[in-house]
């Protein structure tokens, strides 16, 4: 099975690989640099749109393509008013499915800067001193004191997006 990932980010590619290998044999995952079609720090529905665009733009000469996009979603009752979710889309050339990873809040100063247009990854890299944190361990790894990685978030989001493909008679 060939799976294209609409990103060259190693954490996203690895999370996709782990999710697909949990259910399928002989999985070959390869990254593709594609345009998400949304701003660098998407908010709300833009996050879902970016994941769909990444999956569709990566499709070609593969069985499935996957788009992964992380971003802030407005959420009442939270400290900052926003929760970050990793969104995954699995696409087969005709149909797509969507899955989410666990959500979490960034510190207020990160959200404030993101709402002004800065990428949360850049803000967290600056704050932690870890260059390209989003391509390594992810801000979640720092915030959970090393207990959860971005690879794990991606794997969970992709696994959730795979549910319709794993239970086709229930969905299609």
N, C-alpha and C. Protein backbone atom coordinates (compact mmCIF):
# COMPACT_ATOMS: atom_id res chain seq x y z
N UNK A 1 0.85 -1.17 0.00
CA UNK A 1 0.00 0.00 0.00
C UNK A 1 0.90 1.24 0.00
N UNK A 2 0.59 2.17 -0.88
CA UNK A 2 1.33 3.42 -0.96
C UNK A 2 0.48 4.56 -0.39
N UNK A 3 1.09 5.33 0.51
CA UNK A 3 0.40 6.42 1.17
C UNK A 3 1.23 7.70 1.01
N UNK A 4 0.65 8.70 0.38
CA UNK A 4 1.32 9.99 0.24
C UNK A 4 0.89 10.89 1.40
N UNK A 5 1.84 11.61 1.95
CA UNK A 5 1.55 12.56 3.02
C UNK A 5 1.77 13.96 2.48
N UNK A 6 0.78 14.80 2.62
CA UNK A 6 0.87 16.17 2.11
C UNK A 6 1.70 17.08 2.99
N UNK A 7 2.90 16.62 3.31
CA UNK A 7 3.82 17.39 4.14
C UNK A 7 5.18 16.71 4.13
N UNK A 8 6.22 17.49 4.35
CA UNK A 8 7.55 16.92 4.53
C UNK A 8 7.97 16.98 6.00
N UNK A 9 7.05 17.40 6.87
CA UNK A 9 7.34 17.47 8.30
C UNK A 9 7.52 16.04 8.83
N UNK A 10 8.71 15.72 9.37
CA UNK A 10 8.98 14.35 9.82
C UNK A 10 8.01 13.83 10.88
N UNK A 11 7.51 14.69 11.76
CA UNK A 11 6.58 14.22 12.79
C UNK A 11 5.25 13.80 12.18
N UNK A 12 4.81 14.52 11.16
CA UNK A 12 3.56 14.16 10.49
C UNK A 12 3.73 12.86 9.70
N UNK A 13 4.82 12.75 8.97
CA UNK A 13 5.08 11.56 8.16
C UNK A 13 5.17 10.32 9.04
N UNK A 14 5.87 10.42 10.16
CA UNK A 14 6.01 9.29 11.07
C UNK A 14 4.67 8.93 11.72
N UNK A 15 3.89 9.90 12.12
CA UNK A 15 2.58 9.62 12.70
C UNK A 15 1.66 8.91 11.71
N UNK A 16 1.70 9.34 10.45
CA UNK A 16 0.90 8.67 9.41
C UNK A 16 1.36 7.23 9.24
N UNK A 17 2.68 7.04 9.18
CA UNK A 17 3.23 5.68 9.01
C UNK A 17 2.77 4.77 10.14
N UNK A 18 2.89 5.22 11.36
CA UNK A 18 2.50 4.40 12.51
C UNK A 18 1.02 4.06 12.49
N UNK A 19 0.18 5.02 12.13
CA UNK A 19 -1.27 4.76 12.08
C UNK A 19 -1.60 3.71 11.02
N UNK A 20 -1.07 3.88 9.82
CA UNK A 20 -1.38 2.93 8.74
C UNK A 20 -0.80 1.55 9.02
N UNK A 21 0.39 1.50 9.59
CA UNK A 21 1.00 0.20 9.90
C UNK A 21 0.26 -0.54 11.01
N UNK A 22 -0.55 0.16 11.77
CA UNK A 22 -1.35 -0.51 12.80
C UNK A 22 -2.44 -1.39 12.18
N UNK A 23 -2.80 -1.10 10.91
CA UNK A 23 -3.91 -1.81 10.28
C UNK A 23 -3.58 -2.50 8.97
N UNK A 24 -2.53 -2.08 8.30
CA UNK A 24 -2.22 -2.60 6.97
C UNK A 24 -0.78 -3.12 6.91
N UNK A 25 -0.55 -4.05 6.00
CA UNK A 25 0.79 -4.62 5.80
C UNK A 25 1.44 -3.96 4.59
N UNK A 26 2.75 -4.03 4.55
CA UNK A 26 3.53 -3.51 3.42
C UNK A 26 3.16 -2.06 3.08
N UNK A 27 3.19 -1.22 4.06
CA UNK A 27 2.86 0.19 3.88
C UNK A 27 4.12 0.97 3.51
N UNK A 28 4.02 1.74 2.44
CA UNK A 28 5.10 2.64 2.03
C UNK A 28 4.55 4.05 2.12
N UNK A 29 5.12 4.85 3.00
CA UNK A 29 4.66 6.22 3.22
C UNK A 29 5.72 7.16 2.65
N UNK A 30 5.28 8.13 1.87
CA UNK A 30 6.24 9.09 1.31
C UNK A 30 5.69 10.51 1.42
N UNK A 31 6.58 11.44 1.76
CA UNK A 31 6.18 12.84 1.90
C UNK A 31 6.07 13.54 0.56
N UNK A 32 5.19 14.51 0.48
CA UNK A 32 5.04 15.36 -0.70
C UNK A 32 4.85 16.80 -0.22
N UNK A 33 5.64 17.70 -0.76
CA UNK A 33 5.47 19.12 -0.43
C UNK A 33 4.28 19.64 -1.21
N UNK A 34 3.25 20.06 -0.52
CA UNK A 34 2.04 20.57 -1.17
C UNK A 34 1.59 21.85 -0.48
N UNK A 35 0.72 22.55 -1.14
CA UNK A 35 0.16 23.79 -0.60
C UNK A 35 -1.10 23.46 0.19
N UNK A 36 -1.21 24.02 1.39
CA UNK A 36 -2.40 23.79 2.21
C UNK A 36 -3.55 24.69 1.78
N UNK A 37 -3.25 25.78 1.11
CA UNK A 37 -4.30 26.70 0.68
C UNK A 37 -4.86 27.57 1.80
N UNK A 38 -4.26 27.49 2.98
CA UNK A 38 -4.70 28.32 4.10
C UNK A 38 -3.49 29.08 4.65
N UNK A 39 -3.76 30.06 5.51
CA UNK A 39 -2.65 30.83 6.07
C UNK A 39 -1.78 29.93 6.96
N UNK A 40 -0.53 30.35 7.19
CA UNK A 40 0.39 29.51 7.96
C UNK A 40 -0.12 29.10 9.34
N UNK A 41 -0.88 29.98 10.00
CA UNK A 41 -1.47 29.61 11.29
C UNK A 41 -2.99 29.61 11.13
N UNK A 42 -3.55 28.47 10.70
CA UNK A 42 -4.99 28.42 10.49
C UNK A 42 -5.76 28.42 11.80
N UNK A 43 -6.97 28.97 11.72
CA UNK A 43 -7.85 29.04 12.89
C UNK A 43 -9.24 28.57 12.48
N UNK A 44 -9.86 27.75 13.32
CA UNK A 44 -11.22 27.27 13.08
C UNK A 44 -11.32 26.38 11.85
N UNK A 45 -12.33 26.63 11.03
CA UNK A 45 -12.58 25.79 9.86
C UNK A 45 -11.41 25.76 8.88
N UNK A 46 -10.55 26.78 8.93
CA UNK A 46 -9.36 26.79 8.07
C UNK A 46 -8.47 25.58 8.33
N UNK A 47 -8.45 25.10 9.56
CA UNK A 47 -7.62 23.95 9.92
C UNK A 47 -8.11 22.73 9.14
N UNK A 48 -9.41 22.52 9.14
CA UNK A 48 -10.00 21.39 8.41
C UNK A 48 -9.79 21.57 6.91
N UNK A 49 -10.01 22.78 6.42
CA UNK A 49 -9.80 23.07 5.01
C UNK A 49 -8.35 22.78 4.59
N UNK A 50 -7.40 23.18 5.43
CA UNK A 50 -5.99 22.94 5.14
C UNK A 50 -5.67 21.46 5.08
N UNK A 51 -6.23 20.67 5.99
CA UNK A 51 -5.99 19.22 6.00
C UNK A 51 -6.58 18.57 4.75
N UNK A 52 -7.79 18.99 4.38
CA UNK A 52 -8.42 18.45 3.16
C UNK A 52 -7.57 18.81 1.94
N UNK A 53 -7.16 20.07 1.84
CA UNK A 53 -6.35 20.50 0.70
C UNK A 53 -5.04 19.73 0.63
N UNK A 54 -4.40 19.53 1.77
CA UNK A 54 -3.13 18.78 1.78
C UNK A 54 -3.34 17.35 1.27
N UNK A 55 -4.41 16.71 1.74
CA UNK A 55 -4.67 15.33 1.31
C UNK A 55 -4.96 15.28 -0.19
N UNK A 56 -5.81 16.15 -0.67
CA UNK A 56 -6.17 16.14 -2.09
C UNK A 56 -5.00 16.54 -2.98
N UNK A 57 -4.21 17.51 -2.54
CA UNK A 57 -3.07 17.96 -3.34
C UNK A 57 -1.93 16.94 -3.36
N UNK A 58 -1.89 16.04 -2.39
CA UNK A 58 -0.84 15.02 -2.34
C UNK A 58 -1.23 13.77 -3.12
N UNK A 59 -2.50 13.63 -3.47
CA UNK A 59 -2.96 12.40 -4.11
C UNK A 59 -2.38 12.24 -5.51
N UNK A 60 -2.04 11.01 -5.85
CA UNK A 60 -1.51 10.68 -7.17
C UNK A 60 -0.52 9.55 -7.02
N UNK A 61 -0.67 8.48 -7.81
CA UNK A 61 0.21 7.32 -7.75
C UNK A 61 0.32 6.76 -6.33
N UNK A 62 -0.84 6.64 -5.69
CA UNK A 62 -0.87 6.07 -4.34
C UNK A 62 -2.27 5.51 -4.09
N UNK A 63 -2.38 4.73 -3.03
CA UNK A 63 -3.68 4.19 -2.65
C UNK A 63 -4.47 5.20 -1.82
N UNK A 64 -3.76 5.88 -0.93
CA UNK A 64 -4.36 6.91 -0.08
C UNK A 64 -3.39 8.08 0.01
N UNK A 65 -3.95 9.24 0.27
CA UNK A 65 -3.13 10.39 0.65
C UNK A 65 -3.69 10.93 1.96
N UNK A 66 -2.82 11.56 2.71
CA UNK A 66 -3.20 12.06 4.03
C UNK A 66 -2.76 13.51 4.16
N UNK A 67 -3.65 14.32 4.65
CA UNK A 67 -3.33 15.70 5.00
C UNK A 67 -3.43 15.86 6.49
N UNK A 68 -2.46 16.53 7.08
CA UNK A 68 -2.47 16.79 8.51
C UNK A 68 -2.24 18.29 8.71
N UNK A 69 -3.11 18.90 9.48
CA UNK A 69 -3.00 20.34 9.75
C UNK A 69 -3.33 20.54 11.23
N UNK A 70 -2.56 21.38 11.88
CA UNK A 70 -2.84 21.71 13.29
C UNK A 70 -3.24 23.17 13.36
N UNK A 71 -4.12 23.48 14.27
CA UNK A 71 -4.53 24.87 14.42
C UNK A 71 -5.46 25.06 15.59
N UNK A 72 -5.78 26.32 15.80
CA UNK A 72 -6.61 26.71 16.94
C UNK A 72 -8.09 26.74 16.58
N UNK A 73 -8.89 26.22 17.47
CA UNK A 73 -10.35 26.24 17.33
C UNK A 73 -10.94 27.02 18.49
N UNK A 74 -11.84 27.97 18.21
CA UNK A 74 -12.50 28.69 19.30
C UNK A 74 -13.26 27.70 20.20
N UNK A 75 -13.12 27.89 21.51
CA UNK A 75 -13.77 26.97 22.44
C UNK A 75 -14.16 27.71 23.70
N UNK A 76 -15.44 27.76 23.97
CA UNK A 76 -15.92 28.41 25.19
C UNK A 76 -15.47 27.63 26.42
N UNK A 77 -15.31 28.35 27.51
CA UNK A 77 -14.99 27.72 28.79
C UNK A 77 -13.52 27.38 28.97
N UNK A 78 -12.68 27.79 28.04
CA UNK A 78 -11.25 27.51 28.15
C UNK A 78 -10.51 28.73 28.69
N UNK A 79 -9.28 28.55 29.08
CA UNK A 79 -8.45 29.64 29.62
C UNK A 79 -8.26 30.74 28.59
N UNK A 80 -7.93 30.34 27.36
CA UNK A 80 -7.60 31.30 26.30
C UNK A 80 -8.73 31.56 25.30
N UNK A 81 -9.72 30.68 25.32
CA UNK A 81 -10.79 30.77 24.32
C UNK A 81 -10.50 29.94 23.09
N UNK A 82 -9.35 29.21 23.08
CA UNK A 82 -8.95 28.41 21.93
C UNK A 82 -8.30 27.10 22.38
N UNK A 83 -8.56 26.04 21.60
CA UNK A 83 -7.92 24.75 21.82
C UNK A 83 -7.25 24.36 20.51
N UNK A 84 -6.03 23.84 20.61
CA UNK A 84 -5.30 23.38 19.44
C UNK A 84 -5.63 21.91 19.18
N UNK A 85 -5.97 21.62 17.93
CA UNK A 85 -6.23 20.25 17.51
C UNK A 85 -5.41 19.93 16.27
N UNK A 86 -4.98 18.69 16.19
CA UNK A 86 -4.35 18.17 14.98
C UNK A 86 -5.49 17.50 14.20
N UNK A 87 -5.66 17.90 12.94
CA UNK A 87 -6.72 17.35 12.09
C UNK A 87 -6.07 16.54 10.99
N UNK A 88 -6.59 15.34 10.75
CA UNK A 88 -6.08 14.48 9.68
C UNK A 88 -7.21 14.16 8.72
N UNK A 89 -6.86 14.11 7.43
CA UNK A 89 -7.80 13.73 6.38
C UNK A 89 -7.18 12.60 5.58
N UNK A 90 -7.94 11.53 5.40
CA UNK A 90 -7.53 10.41 4.56
C UNK A 90 -8.37 10.46 3.30
N UNK A 91 -7.70 10.35 2.14
CA UNK A 91 -8.36 10.53 0.84
C UNK A 91 -7.95 9.40 -0.10
N UNK A 92 -8.93 8.88 -0.85
CA UNK A 92 -8.64 7.79 -1.79
C UNK A 92 -8.81 8.20 -3.26
N UNK A 93 -8.90 9.48 -3.50
CA UNK A 93 -9.10 9.96 -4.87
C UNK A 93 -10.56 10.29 -5.16
N UNK A 94 -11.47 9.80 -4.31
CA UNK A 94 -12.90 10.06 -4.48
C UNK A 94 -13.55 10.53 -3.18
N UNK A 95 -13.21 9.85 -2.10
CA UNK A 95 -13.84 10.15 -0.80
C UNK A 95 -12.77 10.53 0.21
N UNK A 96 -13.19 11.31 1.19
CA UNK A 96 -12.27 11.61 2.28
C UNK A 96 -12.98 11.46 3.62
N UNK A 97 -12.16 11.24 4.63
CA UNK A 97 -12.66 11.15 6.01
C UNK A 97 -11.78 12.03 6.88
N UNK A 98 -12.34 12.47 7.98
CA UNK A 98 -11.66 13.42 8.86
C UNK A 98 -11.54 12.84 10.26
N UNK A 99 -10.39 13.08 10.89
CA UNK A 99 -10.18 12.68 12.28
C UNK A 99 -9.45 13.77 13.03
N UNK A 100 -9.66 13.80 14.32
CA UNK A 100 -9.01 14.78 15.20
C UNK A 100 -8.16 14.06 16.23
N UNK A 101 -7.08 14.70 16.63
CA UNK A 101 -6.30 14.22 17.76
C UNK A 101 -6.77 14.92 19.02
N UNK A 102 -6.20 14.57 20.16
CA UNK A 102 -6.57 15.23 21.40
C UNK A 102 -6.27 16.73 21.33
N UNK A 103 -7.12 17.52 21.94
CA UNK A 103 -6.93 18.96 21.96
C UNK A 103 -6.27 19.42 23.24
N UNK A 104 -5.59 20.55 23.14
CA UNK A 104 -4.95 21.14 24.32
C UNK A 104 -4.85 22.64 24.13
N UNK A 105 -4.63 23.34 25.23
CA UNK A 105 -4.47 24.79 25.16
C UNK A 105 -3.00 25.18 25.20
N UNK A 106 -2.67 26.14 24.36
CA UNK A 106 -1.36 26.77 24.44
C UNK A 106 -1.43 27.83 25.55
N UNK A 107 -0.28 28.23 26.08
CA UNK A 107 -0.28 29.32 27.05
C UNK A 107 -0.88 30.59 26.42
N UNK A 108 -1.49 31.44 27.24
CA UNK A 108 -2.13 32.65 26.71
C UNK A 108 -1.24 33.51 25.81
N UNK A 109 0.04 33.67 26.15
CA UNK A 109 0.89 34.52 25.31
C UNK A 109 1.08 33.93 23.91
N UNK A 110 1.04 32.61 23.79
CA UNK A 110 1.17 31.95 22.48
C UNK A 110 -0.08 32.21 21.66
N UNK A 111 -1.23 32.04 22.26
CA UNK A 111 -2.50 32.26 21.57
C UNK A 111 -2.62 33.72 21.13
N UNK A 112 -2.26 34.64 22.01
CA UNK A 112 -2.32 36.07 21.66
C UNK A 112 -1.50 36.37 20.41
N UNK A 113 -0.30 35.83 20.35
CA UNK A 113 0.56 36.07 19.19
C UNK A 113 0.04 35.34 17.95
N UNK A 114 -0.54 34.16 18.13
CA UNK A 114 -1.11 33.43 17.00
C UNK A 114 -2.28 34.19 16.39
N UNK A 115 -3.09 34.80 17.24
CA UNK A 115 -4.23 35.57 16.75
C UNK A 115 -3.79 36.81 15.98
N UNK A 116 -2.55 37.22 16.17
CA UNK A 116 -1.99 38.35 15.42
C UNK A 116 -1.28 37.87 14.15
N UNK A 117 -1.32 36.54 13.89
CA UNK A 117 -0.77 36.02 12.64
C UNK A 117 0.51 35.21 12.75
N UNK A 118 1.08 35.12 13.94
CA UNK A 118 2.30 34.33 14.09
C UNK A 118 1.95 32.84 14.22
N UNK A 119 2.84 31.97 13.75
CA UNK A 119 2.64 30.53 13.88
C UNK A 119 2.98 30.10 15.31
N UNK A 120 2.15 29.25 15.88
CA UNK A 120 2.40 28.81 17.25
C UNK A 120 3.75 28.10 17.36
N UNK A 121 4.14 27.37 16.33
CA UNK A 121 5.42 26.67 16.33
C UNK A 121 6.60 27.63 16.43
N UNK A 122 6.50 28.76 15.73
CA UNK A 122 7.57 29.76 15.78
C UNK A 122 7.64 30.40 17.17
N UNK A 123 6.48 30.69 17.73
CA UNK A 123 6.43 31.29 19.07
C UNK A 123 7.00 30.31 20.09
N UNK A 124 6.62 29.05 20.00
CA UNK A 124 7.11 28.04 20.94
C UNK A 124 8.60 27.77 20.73
N UNK A 125 9.08 27.80 19.50
CA UNK A 125 10.53 27.64 19.25
C UNK A 125 11.30 28.77 19.90
N UNK A 126 10.80 29.98 19.74
CA UNK A 126 11.44 31.15 20.34
C UNK A 126 11.46 31.04 21.86
N UNK A 127 10.32 30.65 22.43
CA UNK A 127 10.18 30.56 23.88
C UNK A 127 11.04 29.45 24.47
N UNK A 128 11.04 28.28 23.85
CA UNK A 128 11.75 27.12 24.40
C UNK A 128 13.21 27.07 24.02
N UNK A 129 13.57 27.77 22.93
CA UNK A 129 14.94 27.68 22.42
C UNK A 129 15.16 26.44 21.57
N UNK A 130 14.09 25.70 21.28
CA UNK A 130 14.18 24.50 20.44
C UNK A 130 13.82 24.88 19.02
N UNK A 131 14.83 24.98 18.17
CA UNK A 131 14.61 25.38 16.78
C UNK A 131 13.74 24.34 16.06
N UNK A 132 12.77 24.82 15.28
CA UNK A 132 11.87 23.94 14.53
C UNK A 132 11.19 22.90 15.42
N UNK A 133 10.71 23.33 16.55
CA UNK A 133 10.09 22.42 17.52
C UNK A 133 8.98 21.58 16.89
N UNK A 134 8.22 22.18 15.96
CA UNK A 134 7.11 21.46 15.33
C UNK A 134 7.54 20.34 14.41
N UNK A 135 8.80 20.36 13.97
CA UNK A 135 9.32 19.30 13.11
C UNK A 135 10.12 18.27 13.90
N UNK A 136 10.21 18.50 15.20
CA UNK A 136 10.97 17.59 16.06
C UNK A 136 10.02 16.90 17.03
N UNK A 137 9.95 17.43 18.23
CA UNK A 137 9.13 16.81 19.27
C UNK A 137 7.73 17.40 19.36
N UNK A 138 7.57 18.62 18.84
CA UNK A 138 6.31 19.31 18.94
C UNK A 138 6.19 20.06 20.25
N UNK A 139 5.43 21.14 20.21
CA UNK A 139 5.19 21.93 21.43
C UNK A 139 4.52 21.08 22.50
N UNK A 140 3.70 20.14 22.07
CA UNK A 140 3.00 19.28 23.03
C UNK A 140 3.99 18.51 23.90
N UNK A 141 5.11 18.10 23.34
CA UNK A 141 6.13 17.37 24.10
C UNK A 141 6.69 18.26 25.21
N UNK A 142 6.94 19.50 24.87
CA UNK A 142 7.44 20.45 25.86
C UNK A 142 6.37 20.70 26.94
N UNK A 143 5.15 20.96 26.51
CA UNK A 143 4.07 21.31 27.44
C UNK A 143 3.66 20.15 28.34
N UNK A 144 3.82 18.90 27.87
CA UNK A 144 3.47 17.73 28.69
C UNK A 144 4.69 17.19 29.44
N UNK A 145 5.77 17.96 29.42
CA UNK A 145 7.01 17.56 30.10
C UNK A 145 7.50 16.20 29.60
N UNK A 146 7.43 16.04 28.27
CA UNK A 146 7.99 14.85 27.62
C UNK A 146 7.10 13.63 27.58
N UNK A 147 5.84 13.76 27.96
CA UNK A 147 4.96 12.58 28.02
C UNK A 147 4.19 12.31 26.72
N UNK A 148 3.97 13.34 25.89
CA UNK A 148 3.22 13.17 24.63
C UNK A 148 4.00 13.88 23.53
N UNK A 149 4.15 13.23 22.39
CA UNK A 149 4.87 13.83 21.26
C UNK A 149 3.90 14.21 20.14
N UNK A 150 4.39 15.02 19.23
CA UNK A 150 3.58 15.38 18.06
C UNK A 150 3.33 14.16 17.18
N UNK A 151 4.27 13.25 17.15
CA UNK A 151 4.08 12.01 16.40
C UNK A 151 2.85 11.28 16.93
N UNK A 152 2.72 11.21 18.26
CA UNK A 152 1.57 10.53 18.86
C UNK A 152 0.26 11.23 18.52
N UNK A 153 0.26 12.57 18.58
CA UNK A 153 -0.95 13.31 18.22
C UNK A 153 -1.36 13.02 16.78
N UNK A 154 -0.36 13.00 15.90
CA UNK A 154 -0.64 12.73 14.49
C UNK A 154 -1.17 11.32 14.31
N UNK A 155 -0.53 10.36 14.96
CA UNK A 155 -0.99 8.97 14.85
C UNK A 155 -2.45 8.84 15.29
N UNK A 156 -2.81 9.48 16.38
CA UNK A 156 -4.19 9.39 16.87
C UNK A 156 -5.15 10.05 15.88
N UNK A 157 -4.81 11.24 15.38
CA UNK A 157 -5.69 11.93 14.42
C UNK A 157 -5.88 11.09 13.16
N UNK A 158 -4.81 10.51 12.65
CA UNK A 158 -4.90 9.68 11.43
C UNK A 158 -5.71 8.42 11.73
N UNK A 159 -5.50 7.83 12.88
CA UNK A 159 -6.28 6.64 13.26
C UNK A 159 -7.77 6.97 13.28
N UNK A 160 -8.14 8.12 13.83
CA UNK A 160 -9.54 8.53 13.85
C UNK A 160 -10.07 8.73 12.43
N UNK A 161 -9.25 9.28 11.54
CA UNK A 161 -9.67 9.48 10.15
C UNK A 161 -9.78 8.15 9.40
N UNK A 162 -9.07 7.14 9.85
CA UNK A 162 -9.12 5.82 9.20
C UNK A 162 -10.37 5.02 9.57
N UNK A 163 -11.09 5.43 10.60
CA UNK A 163 -12.23 4.64 11.07
C UNK A 163 -13.20 4.26 9.95
N UNK A 164 -13.64 5.16 9.09
CA UNK A 164 -14.56 4.75 8.01
C UNK A 164 -13.95 3.72 7.05
N UNK A 165 -12.65 3.79 6.83
CA UNK A 165 -11.98 2.84 5.92
C UNK A 165 -11.85 1.47 6.58
N UNK A 166 -11.77 1.45 7.90
CA UNK A 166 -11.65 0.19 8.63
C UNK A 166 -13.01 -0.48 8.83
N UNK A 167 -14.07 0.29 8.64
CA UNK A 167 -15.44 -0.19 8.83
C UNK A 167 -16.30 0.24 7.65
N UNK A 168 -15.83 -0.04 6.44
CA UNK A 168 -16.46 0.50 5.24
C UNK A 168 -17.96 0.21 5.15
N UNK A 169 -18.39 -0.99 5.55
CA UNK A 169 -19.81 -1.32 5.41
C UNK A 169 -20.69 -0.44 6.30
N UNK A 170 -20.11 0.15 7.31
CA UNK A 170 -20.86 1.03 8.20
C UNK A 170 -20.94 2.47 7.71
N UNK A 171 -20.01 2.85 6.82
CA UNK A 171 -19.89 4.26 6.41
C UNK A 171 -20.21 4.54 4.95
N UNK A 172 -19.81 3.70 4.06
CA UNK A 172 -19.93 4.05 2.63
C UNK A 172 -21.08 3.31 1.99
